[in-house]
């Protein structure tokens, strides 16, 4: 018997959850949850609310409650709620302008809800598609990447990983501020129990360690994904190979060779190549290590020689050496007095 038609329907517009009123669905419902645009009933503040709804294990009943499909799914869903709650708790501690802000967490209707900041803008995937066939230059990439790395490092500092970095999970606000959103740690752990890993990850952004359940993951996992994002921005017409396709004969040609002589500095390309190494231990192990490589590769700006006035030089001399300063003042005073005296004598002679 097929499930009722309402079993996977999102909550309707106008639904009230505590002090929040749902307005519409944002994007398309996924295998792990549904995100709604909402407003705070008292302040009118616009928010985004993510509802935990792992569709492989749960359905929505006629009263709008989320219930498990079978008895055997109950333990998996309990674990999903626990991990979703943990993710909300950790992300609420992240105070960074380049990471989506989590304001609140509630449990109602038999599931969990994460309340986040709502931002006007669009994701990086849309931005890159608009650029085709052109690509982002190095300065544009640095302006995008460096703030995101700062935010990512803050998340890693809480012993948490993003695990799903890709252009559609990088949001560009109307103020051109890049944001990391839609963390995938909890989603991947739960959905992987019912689906093959290829359906959970977003190839080619997942490194090889995400294809196995026993391989350790770390900051280098997110760094690889960010490296693929940069590859995508520099070579818009090409697709980076999936990690399993690199196991035997790696088809990846280093960017230092591919883009040699183009608008990217050799050091920048070398830093991106480092992030794209197939083996986890050969990549930067921390955001700080990768950032240092990127900073070292940044072309040095030629310093402009500033013209310094005589009075500025005199002021600096006074600061450094008081005795020398007063000697100079005395010499200047004597010269000025001599000029005035000479002018007076010449004037007297002419008039006489």
Protein backbone atom coordinates (compact mmCIF):
# COMPACT_ATOMS: atom_id res chain seq x y z
CA UNK A 1 0.00 0.00 0.00
CA UNK A 2 1.54 3.32 -1.06
CA UNK A 3 2.03 6.02 1.60
CA UNK A 4 -0.58 8.80 1.77
CA UNK A 5 -0.02 11.83 -0.49
CA UNK A 6 0.80 14.08 2.48
CA UNK A 7 3.53 11.75 3.81
CA UNK A 8 6.44 13.76 2.38
CA UNK A 9 4.82 17.16 2.00
CA UNK A 10 6.55 20.14 3.67
CA UNK A 11 4.72 22.19 6.27
CA UNK A 12 2.30 24.71 4.74
CA UNK A 13 2.82 28.45 4.44
CA UNK A 14 1.49 30.16 7.57
CA UNK A 15 2.46 27.31 9.89
CA UNK A 16 3.45 28.69 13.32
CA UNK A 17 6.32 27.12 15.26
CA UNK A 18 6.73 28.75 18.67
CA UNK A 19 7.46 32.42 17.77
CA UNK A 20 8.12 31.77 14.07
CA UNK A 21 5.73 31.85 11.12
CA UNK A 22 6.68 29.87 8.01
CA UNK A 23 6.33 31.72 4.69
CA UNK A 24 7.66 29.48 1.92
CA UNK A 25 10.13 26.72 1.06
CA UNK A 26 13.70 27.72 0.23
CA UNK A 27 15.15 25.62 -2.58
CA UNK A 28 14.09 22.00 -2.95
CA UNK A 29 13.52 19.54 -0.08
CA UNK A 30 16.52 17.23 0.29
CA UNK A 31 17.01 13.72 1.65
CA UNK A 32 17.84 15.09 5.10
CA UNK A 33 15.60 18.10 5.59
CA UNK A 34 13.49 21.00 4.38
CA UNK A 35 14.44 24.67 4.72
CA UNK A 36 11.77 27.36 5.07
CA UNK A 37 11.76 31.14 4.91
CA UNK A 38 10.13 32.43 8.07
CA UNK A 39 9.58 35.50 10.22
CA UNK A 40 9.76 36.15 13.94
CA UNK A 41 6.23 36.96 15.08
CA UNK A 42 7.30 39.73 17.47
CA UNK A 43 10.23 41.40 15.72
CA UNK A 44 9.36 40.64 12.08
CA UNK A 45 12.96 39.51 11.50
CA UNK A 46 13.42 37.30 8.44
CA UNK A 47 14.91 33.89 9.21
CA UNK A 48 15.64 30.52 7.62
CA UNK A 49 14.45 27.43 9.49
CA UNK A 50 15.76 23.97 8.67
CA UNK A 51 13.51 21.05 9.57
CA UNK A 52 15.09 17.64 10.14
CA UNK A 53 13.28 15.31 7.75
CA UNK A 54 15.37 12.29 6.61
CA UNK A 55 12.92 11.08 4.00
CA UNK A 56 14.39 7.57 3.81
CA UNK A 57 13.25 6.92 7.38
CA UNK A 58 10.29 9.20 8.17
CA UNK A 59 6.98 10.46 6.85
CA UNK A 60 4.61 13.23 7.92
CA UNK A 61 1.28 12.14 9.33
CA UNK A 62 -2.06 13.89 8.84
CA UNK A 63 -1.46 16.13 11.89
CA UNK A 64 1.89 17.36 10.53
CA UNK A 65 3.99 15.27 12.90
CA UNK A 66 7.15 13.52 11.71
CA UNK A 67 7.02 9.78 12.41
CA UNK A 68 9.25 6.84 11.46
CA UNK A 69 8.20 4.63 8.57
CA UNK A 70 8.99 1.35 10.34
CA UNK A 71 9.94 0.24 13.84
CA UNK A 72 13.46 -0.56 12.63
CA UNK A 73 13.92 3.07 11.55
CA UNK A 74 13.27 4.40 15.06
CA UNK A 75 16.82 4.11 16.39
CA UNK A 76 18.27 5.71 13.27
CA UNK A 77 15.91 8.67 13.60
CA UNK A 78 16.70 9.10 17.30
CA UNK A 79 20.38 9.27 16.35
CA UNK A 80 19.57 11.74 13.56
CA UNK A 81 17.82 14.08 16.04
CA UNK A 82 20.77 13.82 18.43
CA UNK A 83 23.30 14.71 15.71
CA UNK A 84 21.12 17.51 14.34
CA UNK A 85 20.83 18.98 17.85
CA UNK A 86 24.61 18.69 18.30
CA UNK A 87 25.22 20.45 14.98
CA UNK A 88 22.93 23.32 15.98
CA UNK A 89 24.65 23.64 19.35
CA UNK A 90 28.12 23.78 17.79
CA UNK A 91 27.17 26.20 15.02
CA UNK A 92 25.45 28.51 17.51
CA UNK A 93 28.88 28.98 19.12
CA UNK A 94 30.48 30.09 15.86
CA UNK A 95 30.59 33.88 15.84
CA UNK A 96 32.01 34.67 12.42
CA UNK A 97 30.75 36.89 9.61
CA UNK A 98 31.50 34.22 7.00
CA UNK A 99 29.61 31.33 8.61
CA UNK A 100 25.81 31.17 8.68
CA UNK A 101 24.50 32.25 12.10
CA UNK A 102 22.37 29.80 14.11
CA UNK A 103 20.08 31.63 16.56
CA UNK A 104 17.86 28.94 17.99
CA UNK A 105 17.03 25.25 18.10
CA UNK A 106 13.65 23.73 18.84
CA UNK A 107 12.10 20.27 18.91
CA UNK A 108 8.45 20.02 17.91
CA UNK A 109 6.22 17.90 15.65
CA UNK A 110 8.39 14.92 16.52
CA UNK A 111 11.57 16.39 14.98
CA UNK A 112 14.15 19.16 15.27
CA UNK A 113 14.31 22.70 13.84
CA UNK A 114 17.40 24.86 13.38
CA UNK A 115 16.74 28.62 13.21
CA UNK A 116 19.30 30.55 11.15
CA UNK A 117 19.89 34.01 9.77
CA UNK A 118 18.28 34.77 6.41
CA UNK A 119 20.42 36.55 3.82
CA UNK A 120 19.47 38.04 0.45
CA UNK A 121 21.80 36.96 -2.32
CA UNK A 122 22.67 33.92 -4.39
CA UNK A 123 25.06 30.98 -4.25
CA UNK A 124 28.48 30.73 -5.86
CA UNK A 125 27.24 28.13 -8.36
CA UNK A 126 24.92 30.72 -9.90
CA UNK A 127 27.71 33.29 -9.90
CA UNK A 128 30.14 30.94 -11.68
CA UNK A 129 27.53 29.97 -14.26
CA UNK A 130 27.00 33.65 -15.05
CA UNK A 131 30.74 34.10 -15.66
CA UNK A 132 31.00 31.42 -18.37
CA UNK A 133 33.01 31.19 -20.53
CA UNK A 134 35.11 33.62 -18.45
CA UNK A 135 36.71 32.72 -15.14
CA UNK A 136 37.49 34.47 -11.88
CA UNK A 137 40.94 36.03 -11.70
CA UNK A 138 43.35 35.61 -8.79
CA UNK A 139 42.31 38.80 -6.98
CA UNK A 140 38.64 37.80 -7.17
CA UNK A 141 39.43 34.32 -5.90
CA UNK A 142 41.47 35.66 -2.99
CA UNK A 143 38.67 38.03 -1.97
CA UNK A 144 36.32 35.05 -1.96
CA UNK A 145 38.61 32.46 -0.42
CA UNK A 146 40.42 34.18 2.43
CA UNK A 147 37.31 35.19 4.45
CA UNK A 148 35.87 31.69 3.96
CA UNK A 149 39.09 30.16 5.27
CA UNK A 150 38.88 32.34 8.38
CA UNK A 151 35.33 31.13 8.99
CA UNK A 152 36.24 27.51 8.28
CA UNK A 153 39.16 27.71 10.71
CA UNK A 154 36.77 28.93 13.42
CA UNK A 155 34.54 25.88 12.80
CA UNK A 156 37.54 23.53 12.87
CA UNK A 157 38.55 25.13 16.17
CA UNK A 158 35.38 23.61 17.65
CA UNK A 159 36.45 20.14 16.40
CA UNK A 160 33.80 20.18 13.70
CA UNK A 161 34.02 19.75 9.91
CA UNK A 162 31.81 21.07 7.14
CA UNK A 163 32.09 17.93 4.97
CA UNK A 164 30.02 19.32 2.10
CA UNK A 165 31.83 22.38 0.70
CA UNK A 166 30.75 23.09 -2.87
CA UNK A 167 29.71 26.20 -4.86
CA UNK A 168 26.02 25.78 -4.01
CA UNK A 169 26.89 25.79 -0.28
CA UNK A 170 28.83 29.06 -0.54
CA UNK A 171 26.43 31.99 -0.45
CA UNK A 172 27.18 35.50 -1.67
CA UNK A 173 25.15 38.17 0.13
CA UNK A 174 24.01 41.44 -1.43
CA UNK A 175 26.97 43.05 0.35
CA UNK A 176 29.30 40.58 -1.48
CA UNK A 177 30.08 38.76 1.77
CA UNK A 178 30.75 35.02 1.22
CA UNK A 179 29.02 32.66 3.67
CA UNK A 180 29.51 28.98 4.43
CA UNK A 181 26.18 27.25 4.90
CA UNK A 182 24.42 23.87 4.85
CA UNK A 183 26.94 21.84 6.82
CA UNK A 184 26.85 18.18 5.81
CA UNK A 185 28.33 16.30 8.76
CA UNK A 186 25.10 15.07 10.36
CA UNK A 187 23.39 14.50 7.01
CA UNK A 188 26.17 12.29 5.66
CA UNK A 189 26.34 10.16 8.81
CA UNK A 190 22.59 9.41 8.75
CA UNK A 191 21.77 9.18 5.04
CA UNK A 192 24.82 6.95 4.40
CA UNK A 193 23.02 4.17 6.25
CA UNK A 194 20.39 3.89 3.52
CA UNK A 195 22.13 5.12 0.37
CA UNK A 196 25.46 4.51 -1.40
CA UNK A 197 28.06 7.15 -0.70
CA UNK A 198 27.97 8.35 -4.33
CA UNK A 199 24.40 9.57 -3.74
CA UNK A 200 25.35 11.46 -0.56
CA UNK A 201 28.53 13.25 -1.57
CA UNK A 202 28.67 15.81 -4.32
CA UNK A 203 31.37 14.55 -6.67
CA UNK A 204 33.94 15.78 -7.40
CA UNK A 205 34.18 17.82 -4.17
CA UNK A 206 34.48 14.83 -1.83
CA UNK A 207 38.05 13.54 -1.27
CA UNK A 208 38.85 9.84 -1.14
CA UNK A 209 38.58 9.57 2.66
CA UNK A 210 34.86 10.43 2.46
CA UNK A 211 34.21 7.32 0.37
CA UNK A 212 35.03 4.97 3.25
CA UNK A 213 33.52 4.64 6.70
CA UNK A 214 36.82 3.90 8.45
CA UNK A 215 39.12 6.50 6.90
CA UNK A 216 39.84 9.42 9.26
CA UNK A 217 38.67 12.86 8.20
CA UNK A 218 40.01 16.22 9.25
CA UNK A 219 40.53 19.84 8.17
CA UNK A 220 42.34 18.48 5.10
CA UNK A 221 38.97 17.01 3.98
CA UNK A 222 37.37 20.46 3.79
CA UNK A 223 40.54 21.94 2.28
CA UNK A 224 40.36 19.46 -0.62
CA UNK A 225 36.76 20.46 -1.33
CA UNK A 226 37.71 24.15 -1.26
CA UNK A 227 40.53 23.40 -3.69
CA UNK A 228 38.06 21.82 -6.12
CA UNK A 229 35.87 24.94 -5.81
CA UNK A 230 38.89 27.02 -6.90
CA UNK A 231 39.60 24.61 -9.77
CA UNK A 232 36.00 25.02 -10.89
CA UNK A 233 36.33 28.82 -10.77
CA UNK A 234 39.56 28.81 -12.80
CA UNK A 235 38.63 26.15 -15.36
CA UNK A 236 34.91 26.72 -15.82
CA UNK A 237 34.55 24.42 -18.80
CA UNK A 238 36.23 21.41 -17.16
CA UNK A 239 35.08 18.98 -14.51
CA UNK A 240 37.51 17.84 -11.84
CA UNK A 241 37.67 14.01 -11.68
CA UNK A 242 35.91 12.13 -8.89
CA UNK A 243 38.25 10.90 -6.17
CA UNK A 244 37.85 7.14 -6.92
CA UNK A 245 38.85 7.81 -10.53
CA UNK A 246 42.23 9.06 -9.27
CA UNK A 247 43.18 5.88 -7.42
CA UNK A 248 45.06 3.95 -10.09
CA UNK A 249 46.15 6.44 -12.71
CA UNK A 250 45.59 9.99 -11.57
CA UNK A 251 44.51 12.11 -14.57
CA UNK A 252 44.96 15.42 -12.74
CA UNK A 253 47.59 17.68 -14.33
CA UNK A 254 48.94 20.25 -11.83
CA UNK A 255 47.60 23.75 -12.29
CA UNK A 256 51.15 25.07 -12.26
CA UNK A 257 51.47 23.34 -15.65
CA UNK A 258 47.92 23.79 -16.92
CA UNK A 259 47.72 27.53 -16.28
CA UNK A 260 51.36 28.50 -16.56
CA UNK A 261 51.67 31.95 -18.12
CA UNK A 262 48.03 32.85 -17.41
CA UNK A 263 46.75 35.52 -15.03
CA UNK A 264 47.49 33.44 -11.90
CA UNK A 265 50.77 33.66 -9.99
CA UNK A 266 52.83 30.42 -9.81
CA UNK A 267 52.70 30.49 -6.01
CA UNK A 268 48.91 30.68 -5.96
CA UNK A 269 48.58 27.77 -8.40
CA UNK A 270 51.07 25.76 -6.36
CA UNK A 271 49.02 26.34 -3.17
CA UNK A 272 45.84 25.15 -4.91
CA UNK A 273 47.67 22.08 -6.25
CA UNK A 274 48.71 21.29 -2.67
CA UNK A 275 45.06 21.30 -1.55
CA UNK A 276 44.13 18.97 -4.44
CA UNK A 277 46.58 16.20 -3.56
CA UNK A 278 44.90 12.81 -3.70
CA UNK A 279 46.33 11.47 -0.43
CA UNK A 280 45.07 13.18 2.70
CA UNK A 281 48.49 13.20 4.38
CA UNK A 282 50.00 15.09 1.43
CA UNK A 283 47.56 18.00 1.70
CA UNK A 284 47.71 20.96 4.10
CA UNK A 285 46.71 19.54 7.47
CA UNK A 286 45.27 22.79 8.79
CA UNK A 287 43.69 25.94 7.39
CA UNK A 288 46.54 27.94 8.91
CA UNK A 289 49.15 25.96 6.95
CA UNK A 290 47.26 26.47 3.69
CA UNK A 291 46.64 30.15 4.40
CA UNK A 292 50.36 30.69 5.01
CA UNK A 293 51.14 29.14 1.62
CA UNK A 294 48.53 31.36 -0.04
CA UNK A 295 49.82 34.47 1.74
CA UNK A 296 53.41 33.69 0.73
CA UNK A 297 52.31 33.36 -2.89
CA UNK A 298 50.63 36.76 -2.98
CA UNK A 299 52.48 39.13 -5.34
CA UNK A 300 54.19 41.92 -3.44
CA UNK A 301 53.01 45.40 -4.24
CA UNK A 302 55.65 47.89 -5.16
CA UNK A 303 55.89 50.48 -2.43
CA UNK A 304 55.55 54.04 -3.54
CA UNK A 305 58.26 56.41 -2.36
CA UNK A 306 56.59 59.02 -0.24
CA UNK A 307 57.82 62.56 -0.59
CA UNK A 308 58.69 63.87 2.85
CA UNK A 309 58.76 67.61 3.49
CA UNK A 310 61.65 69.37 5.17
CA UNK A 311 59.55 70.06 8.26
CA UNK A 312 58.62 66.34 8.53
CA UNK A 313 62.30 65.40 8.36
CA UNK A 314 63.06 67.96 11.03
CA UNK A 315 60.32 66.57 13.25
CA UNK A 316 61.68 63.03 12.88
CA UNK A 317 65.17 64.28 13.73
CA UNK A 318 63.85 65.90 16.91
CA UNK A 319 62.28 62.61 17.95
CA UNK A 320 65.43 60.58 17.34
CA UNK A 321 68.15 62.97 18.61
CA UNK A 322 67.32 66.07 20.61
CA UNK A 323 70.91 67.47 20.59
CA UNK A 324 71.27 67.18 16.82
CA UNK A 325 67.85 68.75 16.41
CA UNK A 326 68.80 71.92 18.29
CA UNK A 327 72.04 72.20 16.33
CA UNK A 328 70.09 72.23 13.11
CA UNK A 329 67.66 74.81 14.50
CA UNK A 330 70.58 77.07 15.49
CA UNK A 331 72.16 76.78 12.04
CA UNK A 332 68.87 77.55 10.31
CA UNK A 333 68.33 80.58 12.61
CA UNK A 334 71.80 81.93 11.84
CA UNK A 335 71.23 81.59 8.11
CA UNK A 336 67.87 83.35 8.31
CA UNK A 337 69.37 86.15 10.47
CA UNK A 338 72.28 86.56 8.04
CA UNK A 339 69.94 86.85 5.04
CA UNK A 340 67.82 89.47 6.81
CA UNK A 341 70.92 91.46 7.85
CA UNK A 342 72.38 91.32 4.34
CA UNK A 343 69.12 92.53 2.86
CA UNK A 344 69.05 95.45 5.30
CA UNK A 345 72.63 96.49 4.41
CA UNK A 346 71.95 96.36 0.67
CA UNK A 347 68.80 98.44 1.10
CA UNK A 348 70.70 101.04 3.18
CA UNK A 349 73.44 101.36 0.55
CA UNK A 350 71.00 101.76 -2.29
CA UNK A 351 69.05 104.43 -0.49
CA UNK A 352 72.22 106.30 0.56
